[in-house]
Protein backbone atom coordinates (compact mmCIF):
# COMPACT_ATOMS: atom_id res chain seq x y z
CA MET A 1 -0.01 -0.04 0.05
CA LYS A 2 1.53 3.39 -1.02
CA SER A 3 1.96 5.87 1.93
CA ILE A 4 1.63 9.36 3.00
CA VAL A 5 4.80 10.56 5.10
CA SER A 6 6.12 13.06 7.44
CA VAL A 7 9.55 13.14 8.98
CA GLY A 8 10.39 15.21 12.42
CA ASN A 9 11.45 15.13 15.90
CA PHE A 10 8.30 16.41 17.11
CA ASP A 11 9.55 17.07 20.61
CA GLY A 12 6.78 18.14 23.03
CA LEU A 13 4.11 17.27 20.39
CA HIS A 14 2.70 20.35 20.71
CA LEU A 15 -0.10 22.30 18.33
CA GLY A 16 1.79 23.03 15.69
CA HIS A 17 3.07 19.37 15.36
CA ARG A 18 -0.75 18.16 15.66
CA LYS A 19 -1.64 20.13 12.84
CA LEU A 20 0.90 18.70 10.71
CA ILE A 21 0.05 15.26 11.76
CA GLN A 22 -3.55 15.89 11.41
CA THR A 23 -3.35 17.23 7.91
CA MET A 24 -1.26 13.86 6.94
CA VAL A 25 -3.85 11.62 8.83
CA ASP A 26 -6.78 13.08 7.12
CA MET A 27 -5.26 13.31 3.71
CA GLY A 28 -3.98 9.70 4.16
CA LYS A 29 -7.88 8.47 4.76
CA GLN A 30 -9.00 10.64 1.56
CA GLN A 31 -6.59 9.04 -0.70
CA SER A 32 -6.67 5.49 0.89
CA LEU A 33 -2.70 6.31 1.97
CA ARG A 34 -1.08 4.38 4.91
CA SER A 35 0.12 7.40 7.18
CA VAL A 36 3.61 6.98 8.39
CA VAL A 37 5.60 9.19 10.73
CA ILE A 38 9.12 8.91 11.05
CA THR A 39 10.65 10.11 14.29
CA PHE A 40 14.08 9.44 16.10
CA LYS A 41 14.61 7.72 19.46
CA GLN A 42 17.18 10.50 20.32
CA HIS A 43 16.87 14.30 19.58
CA PRO A 44 19.70 15.20 17.36
CA ALA A 45 20.86 17.79 19.76
CA GLN A 46 21.59 15.02 22.40
CA VAL A 47 23.68 13.44 19.87
CA LEU A 48 25.59 16.36 18.25
CA GLN A 49 25.87 18.71 21.09
CA GLN A 50 29.00 18.61 23.19
CA SER A 51 27.24 19.49 26.07
CA ASN A 52 24.63 17.72 27.98
CA GLY A 53 22.70 20.80 28.54
CA PHE A 54 19.88 19.83 26.25
CA GLN A 55 16.37 19.18 27.78
CA LEU A 56 13.53 17.28 25.95
CA LEU A 57 9.99 18.27 26.33
CA ILE A 58 8.78 14.55 26.01
CA PRO A 59 10.47 10.86 26.71
CA CYS A 60 10.57 8.94 23.45
CA GLU A 61 8.10 6.28 24.53
CA HIS A 62 5.56 8.58 25.59
CA LYS A 63 5.84 10.72 22.16
CA ILE A 64 5.39 7.42 20.27
CA ARG A 65 2.34 6.80 22.30
CA MET A 66 1.00 10.49 21.63
CA ILE A 67 1.68 10.54 17.77
CA LYS A 68 -0.51 6.89 17.81
CA SER A 69 -3.38 8.63 19.62
CA LEU A 70 -3.52 11.04 16.63
CA GLY A 71 -4.74 8.34 14.26
CA VAL A 72 -1.01 7.64 12.42
CA ASP A 73 -1.08 4.20 11.21
CA GLU A 74 2.55 3.36 11.39
CA ILE A 75 5.71 4.91 13.14
CA VAL A 76 9.29 4.14 12.16
CA CYS A 77 11.62 5.11 15.08
CA LEU A 78 15.50 5.52 14.16
CA PRO A 79 17.88 5.55 16.22
CA PHE A 80 19.84 9.11 15.64
CA THR A 81 23.47 8.35 15.78
CA LYS A 82 26.57 10.40 14.65
CA GLU A 83 26.72 7.91 11.34
CA LEU A 84 22.83 9.09 10.59
CA SER A 85 23.93 12.68 11.05
CA HIS A 86 26.49 12.04 8.26
CA LEU A 87 24.02 10.64 5.99
CA SER A 88 23.26 13.17 3.15
CA ALA A 89 19.78 13.99 2.51
CA LEU A 90 19.39 12.50 -0.76
CA ASP A 91 20.37 8.90 0.72
CA PHE A 92 18.20 9.51 3.49
CA LEU A 93 15.51 9.95 1.34
CA LYS A 94 16.51 7.31 -0.72
CA GLN A 95 16.79 4.78 1.96
CA HIS A 96 14.34 5.59 4.73
CA LEU A 97 11.22 7.19 2.66
CA ILE A 98 11.39 5.86 -1.02
CA ASN A 99 12.59 2.32 -0.62
CA ASP A 100 11.33 1.53 2.72
CA LEU A 101 7.95 3.48 2.40
CA ASP A 102 6.86 4.05 -1.17
CA PRO A 103 5.29 7.35 -0.66
CA SER A 104 3.02 8.85 -2.70
CA VAL A 105 2.97 11.95 -0.52
CA ILE A 106 5.36 13.58 1.67
CA VAL A 107 4.22 16.32 4.30
CA VAL A 108 6.62 18.78 5.55
CA GLY A 109 6.16 21.80 8.05
CA TYR A 110 8.04 25.09 8.32
CA ASP A 111 10.95 23.78 10.08
CA SER A 112 11.12 20.17 8.61
CA HIS A 113 14.47 18.88 7.93
CA PHE A 114 16.46 15.73 7.55
CA GLY A 115 20.07 14.50 6.42
CA HIS A 116 23.56 16.04 6.71
CA GLY A 117 23.62 19.75 7.42
CA ARG A 118 19.27 19.76 7.49
CA GLU A 119 19.61 19.81 3.79
CA GLY A 120 16.49 17.81 3.29
CA ASN A 121 13.58 20.47 3.31
CA TYR A 122 10.60 21.47 1.23
CA GLN A 123 12.70 23.00 -1.47
CA PHE A 124 14.85 19.63 -1.52
CA LEU A 125 12.00 17.46 -1.44
CA GLN A 126 10.30 19.59 -4.36
CA LYS A 127 13.43 19.33 -6.27
CA HIS A 128 13.62 15.50 -6.10
CA ALA A 129 9.55 14.89 -6.67
CA SER A 130 9.46 14.27 -10.18
CA THR A 131 12.35 11.78 -9.75
CA PHE A 132 10.62 9.60 -7.23
CA GLY A 133 7.26 9.96 -7.90
CA TYR A 134 5.75 11.58 -4.82
CA ARG A 135 4.00 14.94 -4.45
CA CYS A 136 5.23 17.37 -1.44
CA ILE A 137 2.94 19.16 0.94
CA TYR A 138 3.73 22.27 2.78
CA VAL A 139 2.03 22.92 6.27
CA PRO A 140 2.64 26.44 7.39
CA ALA A 141 3.62 27.21 10.83
CA LEU A 142 0.81 27.43 13.71
CA GLU A 143 0.92 30.70 14.96
CA ASP A 144 -0.67 33.07 17.73
CA GLU A 145 -0.39 36.55 18.54
CA GLU A 146 2.96 36.04 20.12
CA GLY A 147 4.37 34.13 17.11
CA ILE A 148 5.21 30.76 15.78
CA ILE A 149 4.46 27.89 18.41
CA SER A 150 7.75 26.26 18.63
CA SER A 151 9.50 23.52 21.02
CA SER A 152 11.84 26.13 21.63
CA ARG A 153 9.52 28.67 22.96
CA ILE A 154 7.45 26.12 24.98
CA ARG A 155 11.00 25.25 26.86
CA THR A 156 11.24 29.34 27.65
CA LEU A 157 7.74 29.38 28.96
CA LEU A 158 8.54 26.48 31.35
CA HIS A 159 11.76 27.66 32.56
CA GLU A 160 9.78 30.74 33.47
CA GLY A 161 7.17 29.07 35.17
CA ARG A 162 4.62 29.92 32.69
CA MET A 163 2.86 26.73 33.09
CA ASP A 164 -0.68 27.88 31.64
CA GLU A 165 0.93 29.50 28.27
CA ALA A 166 2.94 26.31 28.16
CA SER A 167 0.07 24.31 28.57
CA ARG A 168 -1.86 26.02 25.86
CA LEU A 169 0.65 25.79 23.30
CA LEU A 170 1.19 21.79 24.05
CA GLY A 171 -2.50 21.18 23.83
CA SER A 172 -2.15 19.30 27.03
CA PRO A 173 -0.67 19.90 30.78
CA TYR A 174 3.35 19.63 30.76
CA ALA A 175 4.01 16.15 31.88
CA MET A 176 7.12 14.50 33.46
CA TYR A 177 7.33 10.68 33.76
CA GLY A 178 9.16 8.52 35.87
CA GLU A 179 9.32 6.07 39.06
CA VAL A 180 8.47 6.93 42.78
CA ILE A 181 11.88 6.74 44.82
CA ARG A 182 12.66 6.74 48.54
CA GLY A 183 13.57 10.27 49.86
CA LYS A 184 14.57 11.32 53.03
CA GLY A 185 11.31 11.34 54.64
CA LEU A 186 11.37 14.96 55.99
CA GLY A 187 7.88 15.69 54.50
CA LYS A 188 6.36 12.83 56.20
CA GLY A 189 7.99 14.06 59.37
CA MET A 190 6.03 17.49 59.09
CA GLY A 191 2.83 16.09 58.08
CA PHE A 192 2.87 16.24 54.42
CA PRO A 193 4.31 12.80 53.11
CA THR A 194 5.47 13.26 49.45
CA ALA A 195 6.24 11.08 46.38
CA ASN A 196 9.64 11.66 44.94
CA LEU A 197 10.07 11.41 41.17
CA ALA A 198 12.90 10.00 39.45
CA LEU A 199 12.50 11.08 35.82
CA ASP A 200 12.72 7.83 33.04
CA GLU A 201 14.50 10.39 30.57
CA PRO A 202 17.17 12.30 32.66
CA GLN A 203 17.63 14.91 30.15
CA GLN A 204 13.87 15.64 30.45
CA LEU A 205 13.14 19.71 31.12
CA ILE A 206 12.46 20.20 34.79
CA PRO A 207 10.38 23.41 34.83
CA ARG A 208 11.30 26.57 37.09
CA VAL A 209 12.22 25.92 40.79
CA GLY A 210 9.13 26.51 42.88
CA VAL A 211 5.72 25.21 44.35
CA TYR A 212 2.87 23.87 41.69
CA ILE A 213 -0.34 22.68 41.17
CA SER A 214 -0.20 19.44 39.81
CA LYS A 215 -2.19 16.13 38.86
CA VAL A 216 -1.00 12.90 39.42
CA PHE A 217 -1.60 9.70 37.50
CA LEU A 218 -0.78 6.34 39.36
CA GLY A 219 -2.34 3.58 36.81
CA GLU A 220 -5.93 4.26 36.53
CA ASP A 221 -6.12 6.67 39.62
CA VAL A 222 -5.51 10.56 39.34
CA PHE A 223 -4.96 12.59 42.22
CA PHE A 224 -4.44 16.55 42.54
CA GLY A 225 -1.20 17.34 44.47
CA LEU A 226 1.00 19.84 45.42
CA THR A 227 4.47 19.68 43.92
CA ASN A 228 7.74 21.26 44.83
CA ILE A 229 10.83 21.41 42.56
CA GLY A 230 13.91 22.43 44.32
CA THR A 231 16.69 21.75 46.91
CA ALA A 232 14.38 22.21 49.77
CA PRO A 233 17.06 24.70 51.34
CA SER A 234 15.25 24.93 54.48
CA VAL A 235 15.54 21.43 55.39
CA LYS A 236 18.22 19.83 53.13
CA GLN A 237 21.77 20.90 52.39
CA ASP A 238 22.86 18.80 49.51
CA ARG A 239 21.38 21.34 47.21
CA LYS A 240 20.19 18.69 44.99
CA THR A 241 16.83 19.34 42.79
CA THR A 242 14.07 17.14 43.55
CA VAL A 243 10.59 16.98 42.31
CA GLU A 244 8.51 16.09 45.21
CA THR A 245 4.64 15.79 45.32
CA TYR A 246 2.19 16.04 48.22
CA MET A 247 -1.37 14.49 47.42
CA PRO A 248 -3.97 15.31 50.28
CA GLU A 249 -6.19 12.20 49.25
CA TYR A 250 -3.43 9.63 48.79
CA ASN A 251 -1.16 8.57 51.70
CA ALA A 252 -0.20 4.72 50.54
CA ASP A 253 3.26 3.63 49.86
CA LEU A 254 4.20 4.42 46.33
CA TYR A 255 7.83 3.44 46.18
CA GLY A 256 8.73 2.06 42.92
CA ALA A 257 5.19 2.87 41.53
CA LYS A 258 5.17 4.48 37.74
CA MET A 259 3.78 7.78 37.75
CA LYS A 260 3.08 10.45 35.53
CA LEU A 261 3.02 14.28 36.86
CA GLU A 262 1.20 17.31 35.06
CA LEU A 263 2.21 20.51 36.38
CA LEU A 264 -0.88 22.58 35.95
CA HIS A 265 -0.12 26.17 37.66
CA PHE A 266 2.97 27.86 39.34
CA MET A 267 2.20 29.19 42.48
CA ARG A 268 5.31 30.65 44.18
CA PRO A 269 8.79 30.35 44.06
CA GLU A 270 11.05 27.83 46.45
CA LEU A 271 11.81 30.00 49.33
CA TYR A 272 14.05 29.59 52.74
CA PHE A 273 12.55 29.64 56.05
CA ASP A 274 14.17 30.10 59.39
CA SER A 275 12.33 27.87 61.09
CA ARG A 276 10.59 24.39 60.82
CA ALA A 277 7.39 26.14 62.06
CA GLU A 278 7.55 28.71 59.47
CA LEU A 279 7.91 26.04 56.89
CA ILE A 280 4.99 23.92 58.07
CA GLU A 281 2.89 27.56 58.30
CA ALA A 282 3.92 27.98 54.87
CA MET A 283 3.05 24.57 53.57
CA GLN A 284 -0.42 24.78 55.13
CA ALA A 285 -1.17 27.88 53.38
CA ASP A 286 -0.05 26.57 50.21
CA LEU A 287 -2.25 23.63 50.66
CA ALA A 288 -5.39 26.19 51.36
CA GLN A 289 -4.90 27.85 48.49
CA ALA A 290 -3.94 24.75 46.01
CA LYS A 291 -7.43 23.43 47.58
CA THR A 292 -9.66 26.28 45.88
CA LEU A 293 -7.58 25.76 42.47
CA PHE A 294 -7.98 21.78 42.63
CA GLU A 295 -11.57 22.85 42.06
CA GLU A 296 -11.17 25.08 39.28
CA TYR A 297 -8.46 22.79 37.55
CA ALA A 298 -10.97 19.90 37.94
């Protein structure tokens, strides 16, 4: 069966990505073509950047699950290696699209690139369309009043704690994924037992340090929570950033459980308190405010 194909990193799978993929899926159904997304297990920046500073918006396995939910027939997830980065755009086109997928249509966005030197863009595909017998469809960038919706713009919003805006551009709240691990038990000792999240993807972006309204997914169960991201300077000295969530309606042992944590709203920055009593008082005030917001976000 002939196919309709798109290639991209799709990090975060934001509204712009969804528009492109939905265009491809709809066209595929209209023309009886198999819709295929080619993406990568590693973001190219993780492989090509010399530093470890690059931060992903979504781990690969969850990205794939979300792409499938959009109605795509097939997902090809290629390991992104230095060898692949040296492959010319023409060789990439021949090997991974023409030979493997036999496309009738290739759909590209404003920032779609593949091949060495990012040569494989819309103009490149148009140039080779007649040779390989496909049509090339261009999907313009999705914009709002602030400009183009992009992964880099969303990263900036998350670093600034502007969760409501980031959620709007993503099409859903920003989520982190991982396993609950044992902490130092300091929250429990103050009447606020927390679930400490160890990220599945160490390079997933951790937003601005502070206190958040959150939603926790544990299997089929969903709970609202109060999440602190930071070093807890009032009670710890190791200055290690942790992600800890207190769920007022849940107090069972969670160690080893898989968790999806959605950050809904930034409440305040992390503060230093001179005494344990001041810290507990602040946590109680946070919880009182959070409970009113839980109703709003419900």
